[in-house]
Protein backbone atom coordinates (compact mmCIF):
# COMPACT_ATOMS: atom_id res chain seq x y z
CA UNK A 1 88.50 202.80 94.59
CA UNK A 2 89.22 199.05 94.85
CA UNK A 3 86.18 196.96 95.60
CA UNK A 4 87.24 193.94 97.76
CA UNK A 5 84.32 191.59 98.06
CA UNK A 6 83.85 188.19 99.63
CA UNK A 7 86.55 185.67 98.44
CA UNK A 8 85.35 182.91 96.22
CA UNK A 9 86.26 179.16 96.54
CA UNK A 10 88.45 179.64 93.49
CA UNK A 11 90.45 182.30 95.36
CA UNK A 12 90.94 179.98 98.34
CA UNK A 13 92.25 177.22 96.06
CA UNK A 14 94.66 179.67 94.40
CA UNK A 15 95.96 180.93 97.74
CA UNK A 16 96.41 177.32 99.02
CA UNK A 17 98.26 176.48 95.82
CA UNK A 18 100.69 179.42 96.28
CA UNK A 19 101.25 178.56 99.96
CA UNK A 20 101.97 174.91 99.08
CA UNK A 21 104.46 175.97 96.38
CA UNK A 22 106.22 178.34 98.79
CA UNK A 23 106.50 175.62 101.49
CA UNK A 24 107.83 173.13 98.95
CA UNK A 25 110.43 175.71 97.85
CA UNK A 26 111.51 176.27 101.47
CA UNK A 27 111.91 172.54 102.06
CA UNK A 28 113.90 172.22 98.83
CA UNK A 29 116.25 175.04 99.91
CA UNK A 30 116.85 173.26 103.23
CA UNK A 31 117.76 170.08 101.41
CA UNK A 32 120.06 171.82 98.92
CA UNK A 33 121.90 174.06 101.39
CA UNK A 34 122.26 171.36 104.07
CA UNK A 35 125.87 170.03 103.80
CA UNK A 36 124.98 166.69 105.39
CA UNK A 37 122.25 165.93 102.89
CA UNK A 38 124.32 167.25 99.99
CA UNK A 39 127.38 165.16 100.98
CA UNK A 40 125.58 161.93 101.77
CA UNK A 41 123.10 162.31 98.93
CA UNK A 42 120.05 161.22 100.92
CA UNK A 43 117.52 162.75 103.26
CA UNK A 44 119.03 162.00 106.68
CA UNK A 45 116.13 163.50 108.62
CA UNK A 46 113.67 161.28 106.77
CA UNK A 47 115.85 158.24 107.47
CA UNK A 48 116.14 159.17 111.16
CA UNK A 49 112.41 159.60 111.28
CA UNK A 50 111.91 156.18 109.68
CA UNK A 51 114.35 154.60 112.15
CA UNK A 52 112.51 156.25 115.06
CA UNK A 53 109.16 155.06 113.69
CA UNK A 54 110.49 151.53 113.31
CA UNK A 55 111.87 151.66 116.85
CA UNK A 56 108.49 152.82 118.17
CA UNK A 57 106.74 150.04 116.21
CA UNK A 58 109.21 147.49 117.56
CA UNK A 59 108.63 148.69 121.11
CA UNK A 60 104.90 148.53 120.57
CA UNK A 61 105.21 144.99 119.24
CA UNK A 62 107.36 144.00 122.21
CA UNK A 63 104.88 145.57 124.63
CA UNK A 64 102.03 143.77 122.89
CA UNK A 65 103.96 140.48 122.99
CA UNK A 66 104.75 140.97 126.68
CA UNK A 67 101.10 141.76 127.38
CA UNK A 68 100.04 138.61 125.52
CA UNK A 69 102.65 136.57 127.41
CA UNK A 70 101.55 138.01 130.75
CA UNK A 71 97.91 137.34 129.92
CA UNK A 72 98.83 133.79 128.86
CA UNK A 73 100.68 133.20 132.14
CA UNK A 74 97.73 134.56 134.11
CA UNK A 75 95.36 132.28 132.18
CA UNK A 76 97.65 129.31 132.78
CA UNK A 77 97.89 130.07 136.50
CA UNK A 78 94.12 130.48 136.70
CA UNK A 79 93.54 127.22 134.82
CA UNK A 80 96.01 125.39 137.09
CA UNK A 81 94.32 126.82 140.17
CA UNK A 82 90.90 125.79 138.90
CA UNK A 83 92.25 122.36 138.04
CA UNK A 84 93.65 121.97 141.57
CA UNK A 85 90.35 123.08 143.05
CA UNK A 86 88.46 120.60 140.85
CA UNK A 87 90.84 117.78 141.83
CA UNK A 88 90.51 118.68 145.51
CA UNK A 89 86.74 118.83 145.19
CA UNK A 90 86.65 115.48 143.38
CA UNK A 91 88.89 113.94 146.04
CA UNK A 92 86.59 115.14 148.80
CA UNK A 93 83.60 113.72 146.93
CA UNK A 94 85.38 110.36 146.50
CA UNK A 95 86.28 110.27 150.19
CA UNK A 96 82.71 111.04 151.15
CA UNK A 97 81.49 108.27 148.81
CA UNK A 98 83.94 105.78 150.35
CA UNK A 99 82.95 106.79 153.86
CA UNK A 100 79.26 106.40 152.99
CA UNK A 101 79.90 102.98 151.50
CA UNK A 102 81.85 101.83 154.58
CA UNK A 103 79.18 103.10 156.90
CA UNK A 104 75.94 102.29 155.10
CA UNK A 105 76.89 99.84 152.30
CA UNK A 106 79.15 97.29 154.03
CA UNK A 107 79.45 93.88 152.26
CA UNK A 108 78.33 92.05 155.42
CA UNK A 109 74.92 93.72 155.19
CA UNK A 110 74.17 92.34 151.75
CA UNK A 111 71.66 89.56 151.30
CA UNK A 112 73.93 87.37 149.07
CA UNK A 113 77.17 87.90 151.07
CA UNK A 114 77.29 84.28 152.19
CA UNK A 115 77.79 83.24 148.52
CA UNK A 116 81.14 85.05 148.04
CA UNK A 117 82.31 85.43 151.65
CA UNK A 118 86.15 84.98 151.58
CA UNK A 119 86.16 83.60 155.15
CA UNK A 120 83.39 81.13 154.51
CA UNK A 121 85.71 78.11 154.70
CA UNK A 122 87.14 79.25 158.02
CA UNK A 123 83.76 79.93 159.54
CA UNK A 124 82.18 76.62 158.49
CA UNK A 125 82.96 73.35 160.28
CA UNK A 126 84.41 70.37 158.36
CA UNK A 127 81.97 67.86 157.00
CA UNK A 128 83.45 65.15 159.24
CA UNK A 129 85.33 65.50 162.51
CA UNK A 130 85.74 61.78 163.26
CA UNK A 131 83.98 58.47 163.36
CA UNK A 132 82.08 59.52 166.49
CA UNK A 133 80.73 62.74 164.88
CA UNK A 134 77.03 62.96 165.87
CA UNK A 135 76.25 64.65 162.51
CA UNK A 136 77.13 61.44 160.65
CA UNK A 137 74.03 59.28 160.18
CA UNK A 138 73.26 56.21 158.17
CA UNK A 139 72.15 58.21 155.20
CA UNK A 140 75.49 60.05 154.95
CA UNK A 141 77.32 56.80 154.03
CA UNK A 142 80.56 57.79 155.75
CA UNK A 143 81.29 54.55 157.60
CA UNK A 144 80.58 50.99 156.48
CA UNK A 145 80.39 47.74 158.36
CA UNK A 146 83.79 46.09 158.90
CA UNK A 147 85.84 49.33 158.63
CA UNK A 148 88.05 50.20 161.55
CA UNK A 149 89.91 53.34 162.46
CA UNK A 150 93.73 53.57 162.11
CA UNK A 151 95.51 52.40 165.30
CA UNK A 152 99.04 53.15 166.53
CA UNK A 153 100.38 49.71 165.46
CA UNK A 154 99.14 50.28 161.90
CA UNK A 155 100.72 53.71 161.85
CA UNK A 156 104.09 52.26 163.05
CA UNK A 157 103.98 49.59 160.34
CA UNK A 158 103.32 52.25 157.69
CA UNK A 159 106.33 54.25 158.91
CA UNK A 160 108.55 51.10 158.85
CA UNK A 161 107.41 50.31 155.32
CA UNK A 162 108.16 53.87 154.16
CA UNK A 163 111.67 53.53 155.72
CA UNK A 164 112.30 50.32 153.77
CA UNK A 165 111.12 51.93 150.55
CA UNK A 166 113.45 54.92 151.16
CA UNK A 167 116.48 52.62 151.73
CA UNK A 168 115.71 50.77 148.51
CA UNK A 169 115.55 54.11 146.61
CA UNK A 170 118.92 55.15 148.11
CA UNK A 171 120.55 51.85 147.04
CA UNK A 172 119.15 52.20 143.52
CA UNK A 173 120.39 55.79 143.33
CA UNK A 174 123.92 54.74 144.46
CA UNK A 175 124.00 51.94 141.89
CA UNK A 176 122.91 54.42 139.16
CA UNK A 177 125.69 56.80 140.24
CA UNK A 178 128.31 54.02 140.03
CA UNK A 179 127.11 53.04 136.56
CA UNK A 180 127.35 56.68 135.42
CA UNK A 181 130.90 56.90 136.76
CA UNK A 182 131.90 53.75 134.87
CA UNK A 183 130.38 55.13 131.65
CA UNK A 184 132.22 58.46 132.16
CA UNK A 185 135.51 56.62 132.74
CA UNK A 186 135.04 54.54 129.59
CA UNK A 187 134.23 57.63 127.55
CA UNK A 188 137.35 59.45 128.81
CA UNK A 189 139.57 56.45 127.90
CA UNK A 190 138.01 56.34 124.43
CA UNK A 191 138.53 60.08 123.98
CA UNK A 192 142.17 59.80 125.07
CA UNK A 193 142.77 57.03 122.53
CA UNK A 194 141.12 59.11 119.79
CA UNK A 195 143.29 62.12 120.62
CA UNK A 196 146.48 60.04 120.52
CA UNK A 197 145.50 58.60 117.15
CA UNK A 198 144.72 62.15 115.81
CA UNK A 199 148.13 63.40 116.99
CA UNK A 200 149.86 60.53 115.24
CA UNK A 201 147.97 61.21 112.01
CA UNK A 202 148.81 64.96 112.27
CA UNK A 203 152.55 64.23 112.67
CA UNK A 204 152.45 61.84 109.70
CA UNK A 205 150.65 64.49 107.64
CA UNK A 206 153.28 67.11 108.56
CA UNK A 207 156.10 64.81 107.44
CA UNK A 208 154.34 64.19 104.11
CA UNK A 209 153.80 67.92 103.66
CA UNK A 210 157.50 68.62 104.31
CA UNK A 211 158.57 66.03 101.74
CA UNK A 212 156.10 67.47 99.22
CA UNK A 213 157.43 71.01 99.81
CA UNK A 214 161.04 69.79 99.32
CA UNK A 215 160.09 68.07 96.05
CA UNK A 216 158.23 71.17 94.85
CA UNK A 217 161.25 73.31 95.72
CA UNK A 218 163.59 71.09 93.70
CA UNK A 219 161.17 71.18 90.76
CA UNK A 220 160.95 74.99 90.91
CA UNK A 221 164.75 75.27 90.97
CA UNK A 222 165.06 73.11 87.86
CA UNK A 223 162.25 75.06 86.14
CA UNK A 224 163.91 78.41 86.99
CA UNK A 225 167.24 77.20 85.56
CA UNK A 226 165.51 76.10 82.38
CA UNK A 227 163.66 79.43 82.04
CA UNK A 228 166.91 81.34 82.62
CA UNK A 229 168.62 79.37 79.84
CA UNK A 230 165.69 79.93 77.45
CA UNK A 231 165.71 83.64 78.25
CA UNK A 232 169.44 83.95 77.45
CA UNK A 233 168.88 82.11 74.14
CA UNK A 234 165.94 84.41 73.25
CA UNK A 235 167.98 87.53 74.13
CA UNK A 236 170.82 86.37 71.83
CA UNK A 237 168.34 85.77 68.97
CA UNK A 238 166.71 89.17 69.59
CA UNK A 239 170.08 90.95 69.48
CA UNK A 240 170.90 89.23 66.18
CA UNK A 241 167.53 90.33 64.74
CA UNK A 242 168.13 93.91 65.87
CA UNK A 243 171.57 94.01 64.26
CA UNK A 244 170.13 92.69 61.00
CA UNK A 245 167.35 95.29 61.14
CA UNK A 246 169.87 98.10 61.71
CA UNK A 247 171.99 96.90 58.79
CA UNK A 248 168.99 96.68 56.47
CA UNK A 249 167.85 100.17 57.53
CA UNK A 250 171.29 101.68 56.90
CA UNK A 251 171.64 100.10 53.46
CA UNK A 252 167.98 100.56 52.49
CA UNK A 253 166.41 103.10 50.13
CA UNK A 254 164.89 105.15 52.95
CA UNK A 255 168.14 106.39 54.45
CA UNK A 256 170.00 106.46 51.13
CA UNK A 257 167.25 108.88 49.93
CA UNK A 258 166.93 107.64 46.38
CA UNK A 259 164.26 109.87 44.79
CA UNK A 260 163.52 107.41 41.99
CA UNK A 261 162.06 104.82 44.38
CA UNK A 262 159.37 107.24 45.57
CA UNK A 263 157.61 107.11 42.17
CA UNK A 264 157.81 103.33 41.76
CA UNK A 265 154.81 102.17 43.76
CA UNK A 266 153.40 98.66 43.77
CA UNK A 267 149.88 100.17 43.31
CA UNK A 268 150.57 100.98 39.66
CA UNK A 269 152.15 103.59 37.38
CA UNK A 270 151.73 107.20 38.38
CA UNK A 271 151.27 106.29 42.09
CA UNK A 272 153.59 107.59 44.84
CA UNK A 273 155.05 105.39 47.55
CA UNK A 274 154.65 107.42 50.74
CA UNK A 275 157.31 105.43 52.59
CA UNK A 276 160.01 106.19 49.96
CA UNK A 277 158.88 109.64 48.78
CA UNK A 278 161.62 112.32 49.18
CA UNK A 279 160.16 115.30 47.37
CA UNK A 280 159.53 116.57 43.82
CA UNK A 281 162.06 116.66 41.05
CA UNK A 282 163.11 120.03 39.53
CA UNK A 283 161.13 119.29 36.33
CA UNK A 284 157.96 118.65 38.39
CA UNK A 285 158.50 121.82 40.37
CA UNK A 286 158.93 123.87 37.11
CA UNK A 287 155.70 122.40 35.72
CA UNK A 288 153.86 123.44 38.90
CA UNK A 289 155.28 126.98 38.69
CA UNK A 290 154.16 127.28 35.02
CA UNK A 291 150.65 126.09 35.92
CA UNK A 292 150.45 128.63 38.76
CA UNK A 293 151.51 131.44 36.36
CA UNK A 294 148.79 130.42 33.89
CA UNK A 295 146.21 130.38 36.70
CA UNK A 296 147.25 133.87 37.84
CA UNK A 297 146.91 135.23 34.29
CA UNK A 298 143.46 133.61 33.90
CA UNK A 299 142.41 135.01 37.30
CA UNK A 300 143.54 138.50 36.27
CA UNK A 301 141.46 138.32 33.06
CA UNK A 302 138.41 137.18 35.05
CA UNK A 303 138.89 140.01 37.55
CA UNK A 304 139.12 142.65 34.78
CA UNK A 305 135.92 141.28 33.19
CA UNK A 306 134.18 141.31 36.57
CA UNK A 307 135.28 144.91 37.27
CA UNK A 308 134.02 146.00 33.85
CA UNK A 309 130.68 144.29 34.49
CA UNK A 310 130.41 145.99 37.90
CA UNK A 311 131.17 149.38 36.33
CA UNK A 312 128.46 148.85 33.68
CA UNK A 313 125.94 147.87 36.36
CA UNK A 314 126.85 150.98 38.39
CA UNK A 315 126.27 153.26 35.37
CA UNK A 316 122.94 151.52 34.69
CA UNK A 317 121.88 152.02 38.33
CA UNK A 318 122.82 155.73 38.16
CA UNK A 319 120.72 156.15 35.00
CA UNK A 320 117.77 154.38 36.65
CA UNK A 321 118.19 156.52 39.77
CA UNK A 322 118.15 159.75 37.70
CA UNK A 323 115.05 158.54 35.85
CA UNK A 324 113.39 157.71 39.16
CA UNK A 325 114.24 161.13 40.58
CA UNK A 326 112.76 162.88 37.53
CA UNK A 327 109.59 160.76 37.78
CA UNK A 328 109.37 161.49 41.48
CA UNK A 329 109.63 165.21 40.90
CA UNK A 330 106.94 165.01 38.23
CA UNK A 331 104.67 163.10 40.61
CA UNK A 332 105.30 165.62 43.42
CA UNK A 333 104.44 168.46 41.04
CA UNK A 334 101.18 166.75 40.02
CA UNK A 335 100.38 166.11 43.67
CA UNK A 336 100.90 169.76 44.59
CA UNK A 337 98.67 170.87 41.71
CA UNK A 338 95.99 168.43 42.82
CA UNK A 339 96.23 169.64 46.43
CA UNK A 340 95.94 173.28 45.31
CA UNK A 341 92.78 172.39 43.34
CA UNK A 342 91.30 170.57 46.33
CA UNK A 343 92.17 173.51 48.58
CA UNK A 344 90.41 176.00 46.24
CA UNK A 345 87.40 173.70 46.01
CA UNK A 346 87.26 173.42 49.83
CA UNK A 347 87.39 177.23 50.14
CA UNK A 348 84.46 177.54 47.77
CA UNK A 349 82.51 174.93 49.75
CA UNK A 350 83.39 176.67 53.05
CA UNK A 351 82.10 180.00 51.74
CA UNK A 352 78.88 178.36 50.52
CA UNK A 353 78.35 176.67 53.91
CA UNK A 354 79.08 179.90 55.73
CA UNK A 355 76.55 181.81 53.64
CA UNK A 356 73.99 179.04 54.16
CA UNK A 357 74.55 179.06 57.91
CA UNK A 358 74.20 182.85 58.05
CA UNK A 359 70.95 182.57 56.11
CA UNK A 360 69.64 179.95 58.50
CA UNK A 361 70.68 181.82 61.65
CA UNK A 362 69.76 185.35 60.60
CA UNK A 363 66.81 184.88 58.25
CA UNK A 364 65.14 181.45 58.53
CA UNK A 365 65.63 180.77 62.27
CA UNK A 366 65.68 184.33 63.53
CA UNK A 367 63.46 183.76 66.58
CA UNK A 368 64.46 181.17 69.24
CA UNK A 369 62.26 179.07 71.51
CA UNK A 370 62.06 180.32 75.12
CA UNK A 371 62.37 178.23 78.32
CA UNK A 372 58.59 178.26 78.78
CA UNK A 373 58.27 176.30 75.53
CA UNK A 374 60.48 173.51 76.82
CA UNK A 375 59.00 173.54 80.33
CA UNK A 376 55.58 172.56 79.05
CA UNK A 377 56.81 169.03 78.27
CA UNK A 378 57.17 166.10 80.73
CA UNK A 379 54.37 167.39 82.96
CA UNK A 380 52.11 164.33 82.80
CA UNK A 381 52.42 160.60 82.27
CA UNK A 382 51.07 160.92 78.75
């Protein structure tokens, strides 16, 4: 009979583990056997899900931005409305203040208004109306003994005198105008004379310039003729020099290819003249060939000696390698013998320790301390 008891937490974890593995296997089968995923090589459903999530996030961001914009517009409208109300309220207060000032604080009601009244001069009477003003007394000193008021005859004489003065000013002004006209006429005549003299000087200068240009032209013609003649003479001399150079080159040692001149240098015996050198003589070539043959023979002897030395070194290295191998084998053999001795010694020590441990566990420490022995400690602060 099978006894099925209450499942333990360990059993639950095992079952969850198997269920998780089975679900993972099912998802893996869907990915493998799905032609779309297998052809594309990626998880299309996961990508579609990511695209949908990004779209939802974008829509949420747009909605949040629109909400913020709407709230901002509402706040702006509210602030504008409050601002208008405050302005309207302030305007009403200012109007009330102005009305109060007009009604109860008029400038005419002030105690010192007569000091800065703008119509004070119009309201006050003049200090003197005439000689018969009753306000004028002796103490005002406005009229002295012997002074008389201006009569009509005096006024007519003053007008006649002003007329005479005006006529005199007109005559003086006309005379000044005539003098200015005379000065202007004199200046124009002087300017006309100066212009005529300048024109005459300009024509004379042009004639001199023409004569100078003609003389310069004649001089240039003569100079050009002289230069042309000198050029023809120089060309003739140059052609003669070229013909002489060609003749000297044709009859010289360079084109005649005389090999003896190449070894006769002005620098001394045994030197070669590079300008006249035409190659080696057959005797010199044979000497070079003999020297090359001697060098090849010497090189062959050196190579044979080197090969022999390399062969000797190779044999010496082989001997040393064999000796090293034999020494290595001997060392390995000694090492194995030493390891075998150490292994036997360790076995002896292990057996001794085992016997000692059995003695301690079975004979010396046969009885063990119970839990009551350990519980009696750490009961007090002492």
